[in-house]
N, C-alpha and C. Protein backbone atom coordinates (compact mmCIF):
# COMPACT_ATOMS: atom_id res chain seq x y z
N UNK A 1 9.65 1.36 -26.32
CA UNK A 1 9.67 2.64 -26.96
C UNK A 1 9.17 2.74 -28.31
N UNK A 2 8.44 3.56 -28.42
CA UNK A 2 7.77 3.80 -29.79
C UNK A 2 8.67 4.61 -30.69
N UNK A 3 8.98 4.11 -31.90
CA UNK A 3 9.88 4.76 -32.89
C UNK A 3 8.99 4.96 -34.28
N UNK A 4 8.40 6.22 -34.23
CA UNK A 4 7.47 6.42 -35.30
C UNK A 4 8.18 6.41 -36.64
N UNK A 5 7.78 6.08 -37.79
CA UNK A 5 8.35 6.54 -39.16
C UNK A 5 8.04 7.79 -39.43
N UNK A 6 9.15 8.46 -40.10
CA UNK A 6 8.72 9.88 -40.43
C UNK A 6 7.50 10.03 -41.27
N UNK A 7 6.70 10.94 -40.86
CA UNK A 7 5.45 11.18 -41.70
C UNK A 7 5.04 12.65 -41.67
N UNK A 8 4.47 13.02 -42.65
CA UNK A 8 3.93 14.42 -42.91
C UNK A 8 2.43 14.32 -43.19
N UNK A 9 1.61 15.16 -42.53
CA UNK A 9 0.28 15.09 -42.62
C UNK A 9 -0.42 16.56 -42.94
N UNK A 10 -1.17 16.50 -43.87
CA UNK A 10 -1.75 17.78 -44.40
C UNK A 10 -3.17 17.82 -43.70
N UNK A 11 -3.33 18.96 -43.15
CA UNK A 11 -4.63 19.20 -42.41
C UNK A 11 -5.42 20.47 -42.93
N UNK A 12 -6.73 20.29 -43.23
CA UNK A 12 -7.50 21.42 -43.73
C UNK A 12 -8.50 21.68 -42.46
N UNK A 13 -8.10 22.73 -41.68
CA UNK A 13 -8.80 23.06 -40.50
C UNK A 13 -10.38 22.92 -40.41
N UNK A 14 -10.80 23.51 -41.69
CA UNK A 14 -12.33 23.65 -41.79
C UNK A 14 -12.92 22.21 -41.97
N UNK A 15 -12.07 21.27 -42.03
CA UNK A 15 -12.75 19.85 -42.28
C UNK A 15 -12.54 19.07 -40.94
N UNK A 16 -11.91 19.63 -39.97
CA UNK A 16 -11.84 18.86 -38.55
C UNK A 16 -13.18 19.05 -37.92
N UNK A 17 -13.77 17.89 -37.44
CA UNK A 17 -15.03 17.84 -36.91
C UNK A 17 -14.94 17.87 -35.34
N UNK A 18 -15.84 18.55 -34.74
CA UNK A 18 -15.86 18.56 -33.21
C UNK A 18 -14.52 18.76 -32.52
N UNK A 19 -13.70 19.80 -33.13
CA UNK A 19 -12.24 19.63 -32.44
C UNK A 19 -12.15 20.05 -30.98
N UNK A 20 -13.16 20.84 -30.39
CA UNK A 20 -13.08 21.28 -28.90
C UNK A 20 -13.06 19.87 -27.98
N UNK A 21 -13.71 18.86 -28.49
CA UNK A 21 -13.70 17.67 -27.77
C UNK A 21 -12.52 16.93 -27.42
N UNK A 22 -11.46 17.33 -28.30
CA UNK A 22 -10.23 16.65 -28.12
C UNK A 22 -9.23 17.43 -27.26
N UNK A 23 -9.48 18.65 -26.99
CA UNK A 23 -8.72 19.65 -26.36
C UNK A 23 -8.81 19.59 -24.81
N UNK A 24 -7.81 19.79 -23.99
CA UNK A 24 -8.06 19.83 -22.55
C UNK A 24 -8.24 21.26 -22.11
N UNK A 25 -8.47 21.59 -20.75
CA UNK A 25 -8.89 22.79 -20.30
C UNK A 25 -7.77 23.81 -20.57
N UNK A 26 -6.43 23.48 -20.46
CA UNK A 26 -5.52 24.36 -20.63
C UNK A 26 -5.42 24.94 -22.17
N UNK A 27 -5.80 23.86 -23.05
CA UNK A 27 -5.77 24.36 -24.37
C UNK A 27 -6.91 25.25 -24.78
N UNK A 28 -8.04 24.83 -24.27
CA UNK A 28 -9.20 25.68 -24.40
C UNK A 28 -9.07 27.08 -23.79
N UNK A 29 -8.48 27.27 -22.66
CA UNK A 29 -8.11 28.60 -22.25
C UNK A 29 -7.24 29.30 -23.00
N UNK A 30 -6.19 28.67 -23.57
CA UNK A 30 -5.25 29.20 -24.43
C UNK A 30 -5.77 29.84 -25.69
N UNK A 31 -6.70 28.98 -26.33
CA UNK A 31 -7.68 29.23 -27.42
C UNK A 31 -8.47 30.54 -27.26
N UNK A 32 -8.90 30.64 -25.99
CA UNK A 32 -9.93 31.72 -25.58
C UNK A 32 -8.99 33.05 -25.70
N UNK A 33 -7.83 33.14 -25.62
CA UNK A 33 -7.10 34.48 -25.56
C UNK A 33 -6.89 35.06 -27.13
N UNK A 34 -7.13 34.31 -28.08
CA UNK A 34 -7.26 34.52 -29.42
C UNK A 34 -8.15 35.82 -29.63
N UNK A 35 -7.80 36.91 -30.24
CA UNK A 35 -8.45 38.03 -30.38
C UNK A 35 -9.72 37.75 -31.61
N UNK A 36 -9.26 37.10 -32.59
CA UNK A 36 -10.08 36.78 -33.70
C UNK A 36 -10.63 35.66 -33.83
N UNK A 37 -12.12 35.22 -33.87
CA UNK A 37 -12.61 33.96 -33.84
C UNK A 37 -11.92 33.10 -34.95
N UNK A 38 -11.77 33.58 -36.17
CA UNK A 38 -11.21 32.61 -37.16
C UNK A 38 -9.79 32.07 -36.58
N UNK A 39 -9.02 32.97 -36.12
CA UNK A 39 -7.74 32.48 -35.66
C UNK A 39 -8.06 31.38 -34.47
N UNK A 40 -8.74 31.68 -33.63
CA UNK A 40 -9.14 30.85 -32.51
C UNK A 40 -9.64 29.52 -33.15
N UNK A 41 -10.57 29.45 -33.95
CA UNK A 41 -11.11 28.37 -34.61
C UNK A 41 -10.06 27.59 -35.34
N UNK A 42 -9.33 28.17 -35.90
CA UNK A 42 -8.22 27.60 -36.67
C UNK A 42 -7.07 26.94 -35.84
N UNK A 43 -6.70 27.61 -34.73
CA UNK A 43 -5.88 27.10 -33.73
C UNK A 43 -6.35 25.70 -33.06
N UNK A 44 -7.63 25.78 -32.66
CA UNK A 44 -8.48 24.59 -32.07
C UNK A 44 -8.42 23.34 -33.07
N UNK A 45 -8.77 23.61 -34.28
CA UNK A 45 -8.86 22.53 -35.28
C UNK A 45 -7.50 21.92 -35.54
N UNK A 46 -6.37 22.83 -35.51
CA UNK A 46 -5.11 22.32 -35.96
C UNK A 46 -4.60 21.49 -34.65
N UNK A 47 -4.96 22.06 -33.52
CA UNK A 47 -4.46 21.31 -32.32
C UNK A 47 -5.09 20.00 -32.30
N UNK A 48 -6.47 19.92 -32.53
CA UNK A 48 -7.15 18.78 -32.49
C UNK A 48 -6.60 17.64 -33.40
N UNK A 49 -6.32 18.12 -34.81
CA UNK A 49 -5.71 17.27 -35.75
C UNK A 49 -4.41 16.72 -35.38
N UNK A 50 -3.68 17.55 -34.63
CA UNK A 50 -2.24 17.11 -34.09
C UNK A 50 -2.53 15.98 -33.11
N UNK A 51 -3.45 16.25 -32.13
CA UNK A 51 -3.83 15.33 -31.15
C UNK A 51 -4.21 13.87 -31.67
N UNK A 52 -4.98 13.86 -32.76
CA UNK A 52 -5.48 12.80 -33.51
C UNK A 52 -4.24 12.06 -34.16
N UNK A 53 -3.34 12.88 -34.80
CA UNK A 53 -2.22 12.13 -35.44
C UNK A 53 -1.29 11.58 -34.29
N UNK A 54 -1.02 12.24 -33.25
CA UNK A 54 0.04 11.80 -32.21
C UNK A 54 -0.76 10.67 -31.50
N UNK A 55 -2.22 10.65 -31.41
CA UNK A 55 -2.97 9.57 -30.73
C UNK A 55 -2.64 8.33 -31.49
N UNK A 56 -2.62 8.38 -32.74
CA UNK A 56 -2.34 7.16 -33.59
C UNK A 56 -0.95 6.54 -33.37
N UNK A 57 -0.02 7.40 -33.33
CA UNK A 57 1.38 7.05 -33.06
C UNK A 57 1.48 6.52 -31.64
N UNK A 58 0.97 7.07 -30.63
CA UNK A 58 1.15 6.62 -29.40
C UNK A 58 0.19 5.59 -28.86
N UNK A 59 -0.81 5.30 -29.79
CA UNK A 59 -1.98 4.36 -29.37
C UNK A 59 -2.67 5.02 -28.13
N UNK A 60 -3.11 6.13 -28.37
CA UNK A 60 -3.82 6.65 -27.27
C UNK A 60 -5.08 7.55 -27.79
N UNK A 61 -6.00 7.86 -27.20
CA UNK A 61 -7.24 8.65 -27.57
C UNK A 61 -6.64 10.04 -27.55
N UNK A 62 -7.03 10.86 -28.68
CA UNK A 62 -6.47 12.23 -28.84
C UNK A 62 -6.39 13.04 -27.65
N UNK A 63 -7.48 13.01 -26.82
CA UNK A 63 -7.46 13.94 -25.57
C UNK A 63 -6.55 13.47 -24.62
N UNK A 64 -6.09 12.10 -24.61
CA UNK A 64 -5.16 11.47 -23.65
C UNK A 64 -3.64 11.79 -24.03
N UNK A 65 -3.14 12.30 -25.27
CA UNK A 65 -1.94 12.50 -25.70
C UNK A 65 -1.32 13.60 -24.71
N UNK A 66 -0.20 13.22 -24.05
CA UNK A 66 0.39 14.09 -23.13
C UNK A 66 1.28 15.25 -23.69
N UNK A 67 0.72 16.22 -24.29
CA UNK A 67 1.36 17.24 -24.84
C UNK A 67 1.67 18.35 -23.72
N UNK A 68 2.91 18.51 -23.62
CA UNK A 68 3.35 19.63 -22.63
C UNK A 68 4.12 20.82 -23.30
N UNK A 69 4.41 21.79 -22.55
CA UNK A 69 5.21 23.00 -23.06
C UNK A 69 6.52 22.90 -22.43
N UNK A 70 7.62 22.82 -23.36
CA UNK A 70 8.93 22.69 -22.85
C UNK A 70 9.37 24.17 -22.39
N UNK A 71 10.55 24.17 -21.77
CA UNK A 71 11.02 25.45 -21.36
C UNK A 71 11.07 26.67 -22.24
N UNK A 72 11.38 26.21 -23.51
CA UNK A 72 11.50 27.24 -24.65
C UNK A 72 10.06 27.62 -25.21
N UNK A 73 8.95 27.05 -24.71
CA UNK A 73 7.70 27.25 -25.05
C UNK A 73 7.28 26.31 -26.39
N UNK A 74 8.04 25.42 -26.68
CA UNK A 74 7.71 24.37 -27.77
C UNK A 74 7.02 23.20 -27.18
N UNK A 75 5.83 22.90 -27.71
CA UNK A 75 5.04 21.74 -27.31
C UNK A 75 5.93 20.50 -27.75
N UNK A 76 5.89 19.65 -26.78
CA UNK A 76 6.59 18.26 -26.87
C UNK A 76 5.57 17.25 -26.04
N UNK A 77 6.21 16.11 -26.15
CA UNK A 77 5.36 15.06 -25.59
C UNK A 77 6.05 14.48 -24.34
N UNK A 78 5.23 14.21 -23.18
CA UNK A 78 5.86 13.81 -21.95
C UNK A 78 6.12 12.46 -22.01
N UNK A 79 6.90 11.80 -20.91
CA UNK A 79 7.12 10.49 -20.78
C UNK A 79 5.87 9.81 -20.67
N UNK A 80 5.95 8.51 -21.29
CA UNK A 80 7.04 7.87 -21.93
C UNK A 80 7.10 8.05 -23.30
N UNK A 81 6.66 9.02 -23.86
CA UNK A 81 6.66 9.45 -25.37
C UNK A 81 7.57 10.43 -25.78
N UNK A 82 8.52 10.90 -24.98
CA UNK A 82 9.34 12.01 -25.15
C UNK A 82 10.26 11.80 -26.37
N UNK A 83 10.48 10.42 -26.79
CA UNK A 83 11.26 10.25 -28.01
C UNK A 83 10.68 10.43 -29.28
N UNK A 84 9.34 10.81 -29.26
CA UNK A 84 8.39 11.02 -30.45
C UNK A 84 8.50 12.66 -30.70
N UNK A 85 8.99 13.12 -31.80
CA UNK A 85 9.19 14.55 -32.20
C UNK A 85 8.10 14.90 -33.16
N UNK A 86 7.59 16.13 -32.97
CA UNK A 86 6.59 16.70 -34.00
C UNK A 86 6.67 18.00 -34.00
N UNK A 87 6.26 18.53 -35.24
CA UNK A 87 6.20 19.93 -35.38
C UNK A 87 4.84 20.22 -36.33
N UNK A 88 4.40 21.38 -36.05
CA UNK A 88 3.11 21.89 -36.72
C UNK A 88 3.29 23.24 -37.22
N UNK A 89 2.88 23.52 -38.55
CA UNK A 89 2.97 24.89 -39.19
C UNK A 89 1.66 25.00 -39.80
N UNK A 90 0.94 26.26 -39.67
CA UNK A 90 -0.06 26.50 -40.38
C UNK A 90 -0.20 28.00 -41.02
N UNK A 91 -0.93 28.15 -42.03
CA UNK A 91 -0.93 29.37 -42.72
C UNK A 91 -2.25 29.24 -43.56
N UNK A 92 -2.92 30.35 -43.37
CA UNK A 92 -4.29 30.79 -43.94
C UNK A 92 -5.06 29.32 -43.51
N UNK A 93 -5.67 28.69 -44.47
CA UNK A 93 -6.58 27.50 -44.41
C UNK A 93 -5.98 26.08 -44.58
N UNK A 94 -4.53 25.94 -44.19
CA UNK A 94 -4.01 24.74 -44.39
C UNK A 94 -3.05 24.52 -43.30
N UNK A 95 -2.62 23.37 -42.84
CA UNK A 95 -1.67 23.15 -41.87
C UNK A 95 -0.80 21.90 -42.13
N UNK A 96 0.40 21.61 -41.79
CA UNK A 96 1.16 20.54 -42.00
C UNK A 96 1.62 20.10 -40.52
N UNK A 97 1.46 18.78 -40.25
CA UNK A 97 1.98 18.17 -39.03
C UNK A 97 3.22 17.16 -39.48
N UNK A 98 4.31 17.29 -38.92
CA UNK A 98 5.38 16.20 -39.17
C UNK A 98 5.63 15.55 -37.93
N UNK A 99 5.88 14.16 -37.95
CA UNK A 99 6.08 13.32 -36.88
C UNK A 99 7.41 12.51 -37.22
N UNK A 100 8.31 12.52 -36.24
CA UNK A 100 9.36 11.55 -36.52
C UNK A 100 10.18 10.93 -35.18
N UNK A 101 11.04 10.14 -35.34
CA UNK A 101 11.81 9.79 -34.01
C UNK A 101 12.82 10.60 -33.83
N UNK A 102 13.23 11.50 -34.77
CA UNK A 102 14.24 12.53 -34.44
C UNK A 102 13.64 13.96 -34.55
N UNK A 103 14.28 15.02 -34.01
CA UNK A 103 13.68 16.24 -34.20
C UNK A 103 13.38 16.50 -35.58
N UNK A 104 12.27 17.33 -35.72
CA UNK A 104 11.70 17.48 -37.10
C UNK A 104 11.23 18.90 -37.05
N UNK A 105 11.31 19.43 -38.25
CA UNK A 105 10.61 20.74 -38.33
C UNK A 105 9.80 20.84 -39.74
N UNK A 106 8.76 21.69 -39.91
CA UNK A 106 8.25 21.82 -41.05
C UNK A 106 7.50 23.23 -41.07
N UNK A 107 7.58 24.00 -42.25
CA UNK A 107 7.05 25.34 -42.40
C UNK A 107 6.11 25.51 -43.54
N UNK A 108 5.17 26.16 -43.44
CA UNK A 108 4.22 26.33 -44.48
C UNK A 108 4.04 27.93 -44.63
N UNK A 109 4.19 28.37 -45.83
CA UNK A 109 4.25 29.83 -46.07
C UNK A 109 3.10 30.17 -47.11
N UNK A 110 2.61 31.29 -47.10
CA UNK A 110 1.63 31.58 -48.27
C UNK A 110 2.52 31.87 -49.64
N UNK A 111 1.78 31.40 -50.60
CA UNK A 111 2.32 31.59 -51.91
C UNK A 111 2.85 32.93 -52.21
N UNK A 112 2.17 33.94 -51.72
CA UNK A 112 2.74 35.26 -51.93
C UNK A 112 4.13 35.62 -51.34
N UNK A 113 4.73 34.77 -50.39
CA UNK A 113 5.91 34.88 -49.96
C UNK A 113 6.99 34.23 -50.75
N UNK A 114 6.47 33.26 -51.66
CA UNK A 114 7.54 32.54 -52.45
C UNK A 114 8.64 33.36 -53.08
N UNK A 115 8.45 34.39 -53.91
CA UNK A 115 9.50 35.22 -54.42
C UNK A 115 10.66 35.57 -53.43
N UNK A 116 10.07 35.88 -52.13
CA UNK A 116 11.16 36.43 -51.16
C UNK A 116 11.95 35.17 -50.64
N UNK A 117 11.47 33.93 -50.83
CA UNK A 117 12.05 32.78 -50.18
C UNK A 117 12.97 32.05 -50.98
N UNK A 118 13.02 32.35 -52.45
CA UNK A 118 13.83 31.76 -53.33
C UNK A 118 15.37 32.03 -53.00
N UNK A 119 16.18 30.93 -52.91
CA UNK A 119 17.63 31.16 -52.55
C UNK A 119 17.80 30.95 -51.09
N UNK A 120 16.89 30.83 -50.33
CA UNK A 120 17.19 30.53 -48.89
C UNK A 120 17.22 29.14 -48.48
N UNK A 121 16.94 28.14 -49.28
CA UNK A 121 16.83 26.75 -49.00
C UNK A 121 17.83 26.23 -48.36
N UNK A 122 19.10 26.77 -48.71
CA UNK A 122 20.34 26.09 -48.11
C UNK A 122 20.35 26.40 -46.48
N UNK A 123 19.68 27.66 -46.16
CA UNK A 123 19.73 27.95 -44.62
C UNK A 123 18.83 27.16 -43.80
N UNK A 124 17.90 26.38 -44.56
CA UNK A 124 16.87 25.84 -43.72
C UNK A 124 16.89 24.19 -43.99
N UNK A 125 17.11 23.84 -45.17
CA UNK A 125 17.13 22.40 -45.58
C UNK A 125 18.32 21.87 -45.62
């Protein structure tokens, strides 16, 4: 069983090269549903980066990472990698990926929301 060390990865979607090559047909179909090109391209780049990060952890090619969608709609890894937890958050032109051997969450918000978030740390952290 793989036990990844906790890690946080910063992704700049515009710097991901050839991201479509890493996605499977279901992901490409999902991406095609985005109304705006920029949103679609950002989602594809973030998903590709996530596949690269998880591929390193699982010792697999990015396209071979078995990402499935759980019953609550959250992406997770299929067996034998189900003990690897990850989370992705993106905002504007930046994304964060967290990976750990325990459930993990990460959130990225625009700076403009900072004043409204002050004081809520105890609710989430």
